[in-house]
Amino acid sequence: MGDKLLAHGIGGAKDLPIPLELAIAGAVAALVVSFTVLAVAWRKPRYDEATSGRTAPAWLDSLTSSTPWRAGWRAFGVLALLYVGWAAIAGQDTLINPFLGVFYVLVWVGIVPLSLLFGPVWKAISPSRTINWLLAKASGSDPSVGLYTYPARLGYWPAAIGLFAFVWLELVYPHSTEIGPVRLWCAAYLAIMLIGGALFGNKFYEHADPFEVYSSLVAKLSIWGHRDDRLLIRSPLANLDSLPAKPGLVAVVAVLFGSTAFDSFKDSSPWVQFIQSTTISPDLLNNLGLLAFCAGIALLFALGTMTTGVGDGVRRSALPDLFAHSVVPIIVGYIIAHYLAYLVEYGQTTIIQLSDPLSRGDNLLGTADLTVNRWLSYHPTFLARLKVLAVVAGHVLGVIAAHDRAVRLLPARHQLTGQLPLLVAMVGFTVGGLYLLFAA
């Protein structure tokens, strides 16, 4: 993880083909123009979970729902857990131990492109789900039904707490690159997942597993969906509209977005200079900074959604969760912009290291002799353009998703004016996101 900061910083402000101010102005203009076009041409909701999409080809539906297919991915997840766990337990406590790369790169960052392409991948390979299934079968119980009913009022709050625990470990905890603390975190995670699965069944994983919730959230922007146990193919925005609004959803998106923004901010010159010039503990300041970014995103979004008129049957307090799906494209765009080079280059390094889990010169997977392709590092201008495109595209898609939800939920007289506070919030996200990416 020693080159983590370098990998994150590839393609800075000096590499932009246009001035940073012009990039921000163009991004804001894109949002405003998008909203204006939508206001004129998009007067009725176009996405409906009950009717959107078409049934996938029968052979594909049969394949993905077959027992061998699902069992194969379950087996892969367990084998991967055992292999990486071997490296975590028996491997050396050094930065070249592949356990760290798998945890921070292949799992955390790799979830995004995999879920965009293939749907909720963590749900398919989750080791905790598989172990829970094996334990339930051994005891003669149903793995999908636990001892108790999962409390609806909890919603996604457990996942939000789990996600914050992860980003705290990665971004704030001073020993985040030591094997021992990361190993302990993973052990605690697995124990909580197994206990939760035994108590509440699969509903627990759908709402409380931070990696599954993260993956399933991103997968709502894929073309793959389900209805009545049938595989569907539908547009990503129609799929996104099917995201259920439950308690804690705003907290989940706020942690994902806020932590990514803080990851940029904590390496910025103003923050580093402030840390060095004060007598306050840097660890305390970083903890407060991470918390402030996540809470600030949640507060700004809640204000942007609740500052509007509502009709009969819609509670104002429910609006943030009902509109939270519109933040998902923003999160994905910002994560791609921030972590792409990190995933591509350090991901290759991790794959190479996986062949030598004990750091003794082995080549167990046949990847030890590969070399890292650093093409992105050598083309910073291309990477900078890609960053701007990812951020702007994410925000434009977010505006579209929010507009479609607004014309469905809000009274006619508030369908446009009611969106203005949220548009202002999204403009703030855009300006802040681009500034942190390129000016840090």
Protein backbone atom coordinates (compact mmCIF):
# COMPACT_ATOMS: atom_id res chain seq x y z
CA MET A 1 0.00 0.00 0.00
CA GLY A 2 3.04 2.20 0.02
CA ASP A 3 2.28 3.69 -3.38
CA LYS A 4 -1.36 4.32 -2.47
CA LEU A 5 -1.04 8.10 -2.40
CA LEU A 6 0.89 8.15 -5.64
CA ALA A 7 -1.71 5.98 -7.34
CA HIS A 8 -4.53 8.20 -6.12
CA GLY A 9 -2.76 11.32 -7.26
CA ILE A 10 -2.11 10.34 -10.87
CA GLY A 11 -3.40 13.11 -13.11
CA GLY A 12 -3.52 16.31 -11.05
CA ALA A 13 -4.62 19.83 -11.86
CA LYS A 14 -1.43 20.56 -13.75
CA ASP A 15 -2.26 17.70 -16.15
CA LEU A 16 -5.70 19.03 -17.12
CA PRO A 17 -5.91 19.95 -20.84
CA ILE A 18 -8.09 22.91 -19.76
CA PRO A 19 -7.98 25.15 -16.68
CA LEU A 20 -9.65 23.73 -13.58
CA GLU A 21 -12.00 26.72 -13.38
CA LEU A 22 -13.17 26.07 -16.95
CA ALA A 23 -13.71 22.37 -16.21
CA ILE A 24 -15.86 23.26 -13.20
CA ALA A 25 -17.81 25.88 -15.16
CA GLY A 26 -18.45 23.38 -17.95
CA ALA A 27 -19.64 20.74 -15.50
CA VAL A 28 -22.04 23.16 -13.79
CA ALA A 29 -23.33 24.29 -17.20
CA ALA A 30 -23.96 20.66 -18.13
CA LEU A 31 -26.08 20.18 -15.01
CA VAL A 32 -28.08 23.35 -15.53
CA VAL A 33 -28.67 22.63 -19.23
CA SER A 34 -29.68 19.05 -18.41
CA PHE A 35 -32.19 20.26 -15.83
CA THR A 36 -33.59 22.85 -18.26
CA VAL A 37 -34.05 20.27 -21.01
CA LEU A 38 -35.69 17.87 -18.60
CA ALA A 39 -38.06 20.58 -17.37
CA VAL A 40 -39.26 21.17 -20.92
CA ALA A 41 -39.28 17.66 -22.38
CA TRP A 42 -39.76 15.33 -19.39
CA ARG A 43 -43.17 16.08 -17.90
CA LYS A 44 -44.25 12.55 -16.92
CA PRO A 45 -42.38 9.74 -15.12
CA ARG A 46 -40.83 7.25 -17.52
CA TYR A 47 -39.52 4.58 -15.19
CA ASP A 48 -41.73 2.02 -13.51
CA GLU A 49 -40.29 -1.00 -11.74
CA ALA A 50 -43.44 -3.05 -12.43
CA THR A 51 -43.25 -2.66 -16.22
CA SER A 52 -39.73 -1.59 -17.21
CA GLY A 53 -37.32 -3.90 -19.00
CA ARG A 54 -37.72 -7.03 -21.04
CA THR A 55 -37.18 -10.65 -20.13
CA ALA A 56 -33.67 -11.91 -20.81
CA PRO A 57 -33.20 -14.79 -23.29
CA ALA A 58 -34.48 -18.04 -21.82
CA TRP A 59 -31.09 -19.75 -22.01
CA LEU A 60 -29.42 -16.94 -20.09
CA ASP A 61 -32.13 -16.90 -17.44
CA SER A 62 -31.89 -20.67 -17.07
CA LEU A 63 -28.09 -20.55 -16.81
CA THR A 64 -27.90 -17.82 -14.18
CA SER A 65 -30.65 -19.38 -12.07
CA SER A 66 -29.28 -22.92 -12.28
CA THR A 67 -27.87 -24.66 -9.23
CA PRO A 68 -24.46 -25.46 -10.81
CA TRP A 69 -23.98 -21.81 -11.81
CA ARG A 70 -24.77 -20.48 -8.35
CA ALA A 71 -22.86 -23.25 -6.60
CA GLY A 72 -19.80 -22.53 -8.74
CA TRP A 73 -19.68 -18.89 -7.69
CA ARG A 74 -20.31 -19.82 -4.07
CA ALA A 75 -17.39 -22.24 -4.22
CA PHE A 76 -15.21 -19.56 -5.78
CA GLY A 77 -16.01 -17.17 -2.93
CA VAL A 78 -15.14 -19.72 -0.24
CA LEU A 79 -11.95 -20.84 -1.98
CA ALA A 80 -10.89 -17.21 -2.40
CA LEU A 81 -11.55 -16.62 1.30
CA LEU A 82 -9.45 -19.63 2.27
CA TYR A 83 -6.60 -18.70 -0.07
CA VAL A 84 -6.45 -15.04 0.96
CA GLY A 85 -7.00 -16.02 4.59
CA TRP A 86 -3.96 -18.29 4.31
CA ALA A 87 -1.91 -15.30 3.19
CA ALA A 88 -3.33 -13.19 6.03
CA ILE A 89 -2.52 -15.76 8.70
CA ALA A 90 0.67 -17.41 7.45
CA GLY A 91 2.08 -14.66 5.25
CA GLN A 92 4.58 -12.01 6.24
CA ASP A 93 3.42 -8.73 7.77
CA THR A 94 4.70 -6.63 4.89
CA LEU A 95 3.20 -4.41 2.22
CA ILE A 96 3.73 -7.12 -0.41
CA ASN A 97 1.34 -9.49 1.33
CA PRO A 98 -1.53 -9.86 -1.22
CA PHE A 99 -4.10 -9.85 1.60
CA LEU A 100 -3.90 -6.04 1.75
CA GLY A 101 -4.30 -5.60 -2.00
CA VAL A 102 -7.24 -7.99 -2.16
CA PHE A 103 -8.99 -6.24 0.72
CA TYR A 104 -8.41 -2.62 -0.28
CA VAL A 105 -8.24 -2.90 -4.07
CA LEU A 106 -9.76 -6.01 -5.64
CA VAL A 107 -12.69 -6.16 -3.23
CA TRP A 108 -13.40 -2.57 -2.25
CA VAL A 109 -12.67 -0.83 -5.56
CA GLY A 110 -13.16 -3.83 -7.86
CA ILE A 111 -16.76 -4.19 -6.67
CA VAL A 112 -17.71 -1.12 -8.69
CA PRO A 113 -16.81 -2.17 -12.28
CA LEU A 114 -17.80 -5.79 -11.63
CA SER A 115 -21.22 -4.81 -10.29
CA LEU A 116 -21.75 -2.38 -13.16
CA LEU A 117 -21.04 -5.13 -15.68
CA PHE A 118 -22.50 -8.22 -14.05
CA GLY A 119 -24.92 -7.11 -11.34
CA PRO A 120 -24.64 -7.76 -7.57
CA VAL A 121 -21.46 -9.84 -7.64
CA TRP A 122 -20.88 -9.87 -3.87
CA LYS A 123 -24.26 -11.48 -3.33
CA ALA A 124 -23.19 -14.24 -5.72
CA ILE A 125 -19.80 -14.97 -4.14
CA SER A 126 -20.35 -13.88 -0.52
CA PRO A 127 -18.45 -16.33 1.72
CA SER A 128 -20.63 -15.46 4.72
CA ARG A 129 -23.78 -16.35 2.79
CA THR A 130 -22.25 -19.67 1.76
CA ILE A 131 -21.03 -20.54 5.25
CA ASN A 132 -24.43 -19.62 6.66
CA TRP A 133 -26.07 -21.88 4.06
CA LEU A 134 -23.79 -24.79 4.97
CA LEU A 135 -24.44 -24.35 8.69
CA ALA A 136 -28.19 -24.12 8.14
CA LYS A 137 -28.25 -27.25 5.99
CA ALA A 138 -26.19 -29.12 8.57
CA SER A 139 -28.70 -28.19 11.27
CA GLY A 140 -31.73 -28.86 9.09
CA SER A 141 -32.93 -25.23 9.00
CA ASP A 142 -33.71 -22.80 6.19
CA PRO A 143 -30.78 -20.38 5.51
CA SER A 144 -33.14 -17.74 4.13
CA VAL A 145 -35.14 -17.62 7.38
CA GLY A 146 -33.44 -16.92 10.68
CA LEU A 147 -34.70 -17.17 14.22
CA TYR A 148 -36.23 -13.69 14.09
CA THR A 149 -37.73 -11.31 11.54
CA TYR A 150 -35.34 -8.56 10.49
CA PRO A 151 -36.69 -5.25 11.92
CA ALA A 152 -37.89 -3.06 9.07
CA ARG A 153 -36.98 0.09 11.01
CA LEU A 154 -33.30 -0.86 10.85
CA GLY A 155 -33.29 -0.76 7.06
CA TYR A 156 -29.77 -0.15 5.75
CA TRP A 157 -28.42 1.39 8.96
CA PRO A 158 -26.26 -1.65 9.85
CA ALA A 159 -24.68 -1.51 6.38
CA ALA A 160 -24.02 2.21 6.78
CA ILE A 161 -22.22 1.53 10.07
CA GLY A 162 -20.22 -1.29 8.46
CA LEU A 163 -19.25 0.89 5.52
CA PHE A 164 -18.12 3.65 7.85
CA ALA A 165 -16.07 1.10 9.80
CA PHE A 166 -14.33 0.13 6.55
CA VAL A 167 -13.55 3.66 5.35
CA TRP A 168 -12.39 4.57 8.87
CA LEU A 169 -9.96 1.65 8.76
CA GLU A 170 -8.72 2.55 5.29
CA LEU A 171 -8.52 6.33 5.55
CA VAL A 172 -8.08 7.27 9.22
CA TYR A 173 -6.72 4.39 11.28
CA PRO A 174 -2.92 4.94 11.47
CA HIS A 175 -2.08 1.22 11.19
CA SER A 176 -4.30 0.46 8.20
CA THR A 177 -1.45 -1.19 6.26
CA GLU A 178 -0.51 -3.63 8.99
CA ILE A 179 -1.74 -7.19 8.61
CA GLY A 180 -2.87 -7.63 12.22
CA PRO A 181 -5.52 -4.85 12.44
CA VAL A 182 -6.91 -5.60 8.98
CA ARG A 183 -7.07 -9.30 9.80
CA LEU A 184 -8.93 -8.49 13.02
CA TRP A 185 -11.38 -6.28 11.13
CA CYS A 186 -12.11 -9.07 8.66
CA ALA A 187 -12.56 -11.62 11.45
CA ALA A 188 -15.01 -9.33 13.25
CA TYR A 189 -16.88 -8.72 9.98
CA LEU A 190 -17.21 -12.43 9.25
CA ALA A 191 -18.33 -13.19 12.81
CA ILE A 192 -20.99 -10.47 12.73
CA MET A 193 -22.23 -11.66 9.34
CA LEU A 194 -22.54 -15.27 10.49
CA ILE A 195 -24.34 -14.32 13.71
CA GLY A 196 -26.65 -11.95 11.84
CA GLY A 197 -27.40 -14.57 9.20
CA ALA A 198 -28.28 -17.12 11.88
CA LEU A 199 -30.58 -14.63 13.63
CA PHE A 200 -32.28 -12.98 10.65
CA GLY A 201 -31.53 -15.11 7.59
CA ASN A 202 -30.70 -13.68 4.17
CA LYS A 203 -32.58 -10.45 4.92
CA PHE A 204 -29.66 -9.57 7.17
CA TYR A 205 -27.16 -9.79 4.32
CA GLU A 206 -29.37 -7.71 2.04
CA HIS A 207 -29.47 -4.88 4.57
CA ALA A 208 -26.45 -5.25 6.84
CA ASP A 209 -23.53 -6.70 4.86
CA PRO A 210 -21.57 -3.56 3.86
CA PHE A 211 -20.02 -5.20 0.81
CA GLU A 212 -23.27 -6.71 -0.42
CA VAL A 213 -25.21 -3.47 0.03
CA TYR A 214 -22.40 -1.57 -1.71
CA SER A 215 -22.32 -4.03 -4.61
CA SER A 216 -26.12 -4.21 -4.94
CA LEU A 217 -26.34 -0.41 -4.89
CA VAL A 218 -23.86 -0.05 -7.75
CA ALA A 219 -25.53 -2.96 -9.60
CA LYS A 220 -28.67 -0.85 -9.89
CA LEU A 221 -26.79 0.99 -12.64
CA SER A 222 -26.22 -2.22 -14.58
CA ILE A 223 -28.58 -3.56 -17.24
CA TRP A 224 -29.46 -6.62 -15.15
CA GLY A 225 -32.55 -6.76 -12.98
CA HIS A 226 -35.05 -9.26 -11.60
CA ARG A 227 -38.82 -9.41 -11.34
CA ASP A 228 -40.84 -12.43 -10.26
CA ASP A 229 -37.62 -14.48 -10.16
CA ARG A 230 -36.95 -13.78 -13.84
CA LEU A 231 -33.84 -12.13 -15.23
CA LEU A 232 -34.55 -8.79 -16.90
CA ILE A 233 -32.61 -6.54 -19.24
CA ARG A 234 -33.45 -2.87 -18.82
CA SER A 235 -31.83 0.54 -19.02
CA PRO A 236 -29.58 1.46 -16.11
CA LEU A 237 -31.80 4.39 -15.08
CA ALA A 238 -34.91 2.20 -15.12
CA ASN A 239 -33.00 -0.32 -13.04
CA LEU A 240 -31.90 2.42 -10.65
CA ASP A 241 -35.53 3.40 -10.13
CA SER A 242 -36.15 -0.05 -8.61
CA LEU A 243 -33.87 0.67 -5.64
CA PRO A 244 -36.09 0.37 -2.55
CA ALA A 245 -36.20 3.47 -0.34
CA LYS A 246 -35.57 2.19 3.17
CA PRO A 247 -34.29 3.75 6.40
CA GLY A 248 -30.54 4.29 6.34
CA LEU A 249 -30.22 4.58 2.55
CA VAL A 250 -29.16 8.23 2.80
CA ALA A 251 -26.55 7.24 5.38
CA VAL A 252 -25.16 4.57 3.03
CA VAL A 253 -24.76 6.93 0.06
CA ALA A 254 -23.41 9.67 2.34
CA VAL A 255 -20.69 7.38 3.69
CA LEU A 256 -19.70 6.20 0.21
CA PHE A 257 -19.64 9.69 -1.30
CA GLY A 258 -18.31 11.53 1.74
CA SER A 259 -15.45 9.09 2.36
CA THR A 260 -14.31 9.26 -1.26
CA ALA A 261 -14.33 13.06 -1.09
CA PHE A 262 -12.41 13.00 2.18
CA ASP A 263 -9.83 10.65 0.64
CA SER A 264 -9.04 13.44 -1.82
CA PHE A 265 -9.23 16.19 0.78
CA LYS A 266 -6.93 14.60 3.36
CA ASP A 267 -4.01 14.74 0.92
CA SER A 268 -4.68 18.31 -0.21
CA SER A 269 -2.10 20.98 0.55
CA PRO A 270 -4.38 23.12 2.78
CA TRP A 271 -5.30 20.15 4.99
CA VAL A 272 -1.74 18.84 5.21
CA GLN A 273 -0.46 22.32 6.10
CA PHE A 274 -3.16 22.70 8.74
CA ILE A 275 -2.30 19.30 10.25
CA GLN A 276 1.37 20.26 10.40
CA SER A 277 0.75 23.69 11.92
CA THR A 278 -1.56 22.71 14.77
CA THR A 279 -0.91 20.99 18.06
CA ILE A 280 -4.13 19.00 17.84
CA SER A 281 -3.65 15.29 17.21
CA PRO A 282 -3.65 14.51 13.46
CA ASP A 283 -5.55 11.29 14.16
CA LEU A 284 -8.29 13.21 15.95
CA LEU A 285 -8.51 15.77 13.13
CA ASN A 286 -8.72 13.06 10.48
CA ASN A 287 -11.44 11.28 12.44
CA LEU A 288 -13.41 14.49 12.73
CA GLY A 289 -12.79 15.28 9.07
CA LEU A 290 -14.10 11.94 7.84
CA LEU A 291 -17.17 12.22 10.06
CA ALA A 292 -17.78 15.81 8.93
CA PHE A 293 -17.60 14.90 5.24
CA CYS A 294 -20.07 12.02 5.60
CA ALA A 295 -22.45 13.96 7.85
CA GLY A 296 -22.15 17.06 5.65
CA ILE A 297 -23.11 15.16 2.51
CA ALA A 298 -26.12 13.65 4.30
CA LEU A 299 -27.23 17.02 5.69
CA LEU A 300 -26.83 18.88 2.40
CA PHE A 301 -28.73 16.18 0.51
CA ALA A 302 -31.50 16.02 3.12
CA LEU A 303 -31.96 19.80 2.97
CA GLY A 304 -31.97 19.71 -0.83
CA THR A 305 -34.73 17.12 -0.97
CA MET A 306 -36.91 18.28 1.94
CA THR A 307 -37.06 21.96 0.93
CA THR A 308 -40.11 21.52 -1.28
CA GLY A 309 -43.85 21.12 -1.13
CA VAL A 310 -45.35 17.65 -0.79
CA GLY A 311 -48.67 16.15 -1.73
CA ASP A 312 -51.04 13.88 0.10
CA GLY A 313 -49.59 10.55 1.15
CA VAL A 314 -45.95 11.70 1.00
CA ARG A 315 -44.11 12.56 4.20
CA ARG A 316 -41.47 15.26 3.92
CA SER A 317 -39.15 13.24 6.17
CA ALA A 318 -39.31 10.35 3.69
CA LEU A 319 -38.06 12.41 0.75
CA PRO A 320 -34.30 11.99 1.38
CA ASP A 321 -34.55 8.19 1.20
CA LEU A 322 -36.92 8.39 -1.79
CA PHE A 323 -34.43 10.54 -3.72
CA ALA A 324 -31.26 8.85 -2.45
CA HIS A 325 -31.11 6.63 -5.55
CA SER A 326 -30.13 9.73 -7.55
CA VAL A 327 -26.82 9.92 -5.66
CA VAL A 328 -25.73 6.45 -6.83
CA PRO A 329 -24.55 7.64 -10.31
CA ILE A 330 -22.65 10.47 -8.61
CA ILE A 331 -20.92 8.00 -6.30
CA VAL A 332 -20.00 5.69 -9.17
CA GLY A 333 -18.68 8.56 -11.29
CA TYR A 334 -16.60 9.94 -8.45
CA ILE A 335 -15.22 6.54 -7.45
CA ILE A 336 -14.21 5.84 -11.06
CA ALA A 337 -12.54 9.24 -11.28
CA HIS A 338 -10.75 8.88 -7.96
CA TYR A 339 -9.73 5.21 -7.93
CA LEU A 340 -9.40 4.14 -11.57
CA ALA A 341 -5.62 4.35 -11.76
CA TYR A 342 -5.37 2.82 -8.29
CA LEU A 343 -7.52 -0.15 -9.33
CA VAL A 344 -5.81 -0.76 -12.66
CA GLU A 345 -2.21 -0.47 -11.52
CA TYR A 346 -2.26 -1.66 -7.93
CA GLY A 347 -4.80 -4.29 -8.94
CA GLN A 348 -2.24 -5.75 -11.34
CA THR A 349 0.34 -5.69 -8.56
CA THR A 350 -2.01 -7.60 -6.27
CA ILE A 351 -2.70 -10.25 -8.92
CA ILE A 352 1.04 -10.74 -9.29
CA GLN A 353 1.49 -10.96 -5.51
CA LEU A 354 -1.31 -13.54 -5.21
CA SER A 355 0.96 -16.15 -6.76
CA ASP A 356 3.33 -15.78 -3.81
CA PRO A 357 1.04 -15.48 -0.76
CA LEU A 358 3.79 -16.31 1.75
CA SER A 359 6.45 -14.11 0.08
CA ARG A 360 8.89 -16.97 -0.42
CA GLY A 361 9.27 -16.92 -4.22
CA ASP A 362 6.33 -19.15 -5.20
CA ASN A 363 4.35 -18.90 -8.42
CA LEU A 364 1.21 -20.79 -7.42
CA LEU A 365 -1.20 -19.06 -9.81
CA GLY A 366 1.24 -18.47 -12.66
CA THR A 367 1.11 -14.67 -12.36
CA ALA A 368 4.37 -13.99 -10.52
CA ASP A 369 6.29 -13.23 -13.71
CA LEU A 370 3.81 -10.68 -15.03
CA THR A 371 4.68 -6.98 -15.08
CA VAL A 372 2.49 -4.02 -14.26
CA ASN A 373 1.24 -2.03 -17.24
CA ARG A 374 1.37 1.64 -16.22
CA TRP A 375 -0.17 3.07 -19.36
CA LEU A 376 -2.48 5.34 -17.37
CA SER A 377 0.47 6.82 -15.48
CA TYR A 378 2.13 7.72 -18.75
CA HIS A 379 -1.01 9.43 -20.13
CA PRO A 380 -2.09 11.82 -17.37
CA THR A 381 -3.96 14.14 -19.74
CA PHE A 382 -6.16 11.27 -20.93
CA LEU A 383 -6.76 10.27 -17.30
CA ALA A 384 -7.67 13.85 -16.35
CA ARG A 385 -10.23 14.03 -19.16
CA LEU A 386 -11.65 10.70 -18.08
CA LYS A 387 -12.00 11.99 -14.53
CA VAL A 388 -13.97 15.04 -15.63
CA LEU A 389 -16.16 12.90 -17.90
CA ALA A 390 -16.91 10.40 -15.12
CA VAL A 391 -17.84 13.10 -12.61
CA VAL A 392 -20.00 15.07 -15.05
CA ALA A 393 -21.74 11.97 -16.42
CA GLY A 394 -22.51 10.77 -12.90
CA HIS A 395 -24.06 14.09 -11.94
CA VAL A 396 -26.10 14.38 -15.15
CA LEU A 397 -27.50 10.88 -14.62
CA GLY A 398 -28.24 11.84 -11.03
CA VAL A 399 -30.22 14.88 -12.19
CA ILE A 400 -32.23 12.70 -14.59
CA ALA A 401 -33.00 10.13 -11.89
CA ALA A 402 -34.05 12.85 -9.44
CA HIS A 403 -36.23 14.60 -12.02
CA ASP A 404 -38.11 11.42 -12.92
CA ARG A 405 -38.77 10.72 -9.23
CA ALA A 406 -39.86 14.33 -8.65
CA VAL A 407 -42.50 14.36 -11.39
CA ARG A 408 -43.92 11.19 -9.86
CA LEU A 409 -43.91 12.23 -6.19
CA LEU A 410 -44.28 15.99 -6.01
CA PRO A 411 -47.44 18.03 -6.68
CA ALA A 412 -47.57 19.60 -10.13
CA ARG A 413 -46.87 23.10 -8.80
CA HIS A 414 -43.69 21.90 -7.06
CA GLN A 415 -42.32 19.47 -9.66
CA LEU A 416 -39.83 22.01 -11.01
CA THR A 417 -39.33 24.55 -8.25
CA GLY A 418 -39.12 21.74 -5.72
CA GLN A 419 -36.08 20.35 -7.52
CA LEU A 420 -34.09 23.59 -7.40
CA PRO A 421 -32.68 23.06 -3.87
CA LEU A 422 -31.54 19.55 -4.85
CA LEU A 423 -30.03 20.93 -8.06
CA VAL A 424 -28.09 23.48 -6.00
CA ALA A 425 -26.86 20.64 -3.77
CA MET A 426 -25.75 18.63 -6.81
CA VAL A 427 -23.95 21.67 -8.23
CA GLY A 428 -22.14 21.91 -4.91
CA PHE A 429 -21.22 18.23 -5.11
CA THR A 430 -19.90 18.77 -8.66
CA VAL A 431 -17.81 21.81 -7.85
CA GLY A 432 -16.42 20.26 -4.68
CA GLY A 433 -15.76 16.92 -6.32
CA LEU A 434 -13.84 18.34 -9.27
CA TYR A 435 -11.90 20.76 -7.06
CA LEU A 436 -10.81 17.98 -4.71
CA LEU A 437 -9.88 15.67 -7.58
CA PHE A 438 -7.69 18.17 -9.42
CA ALA A 439 -6.71 20.90 -7.02
CA ALA A 440 -5.73 18.68 -4.11
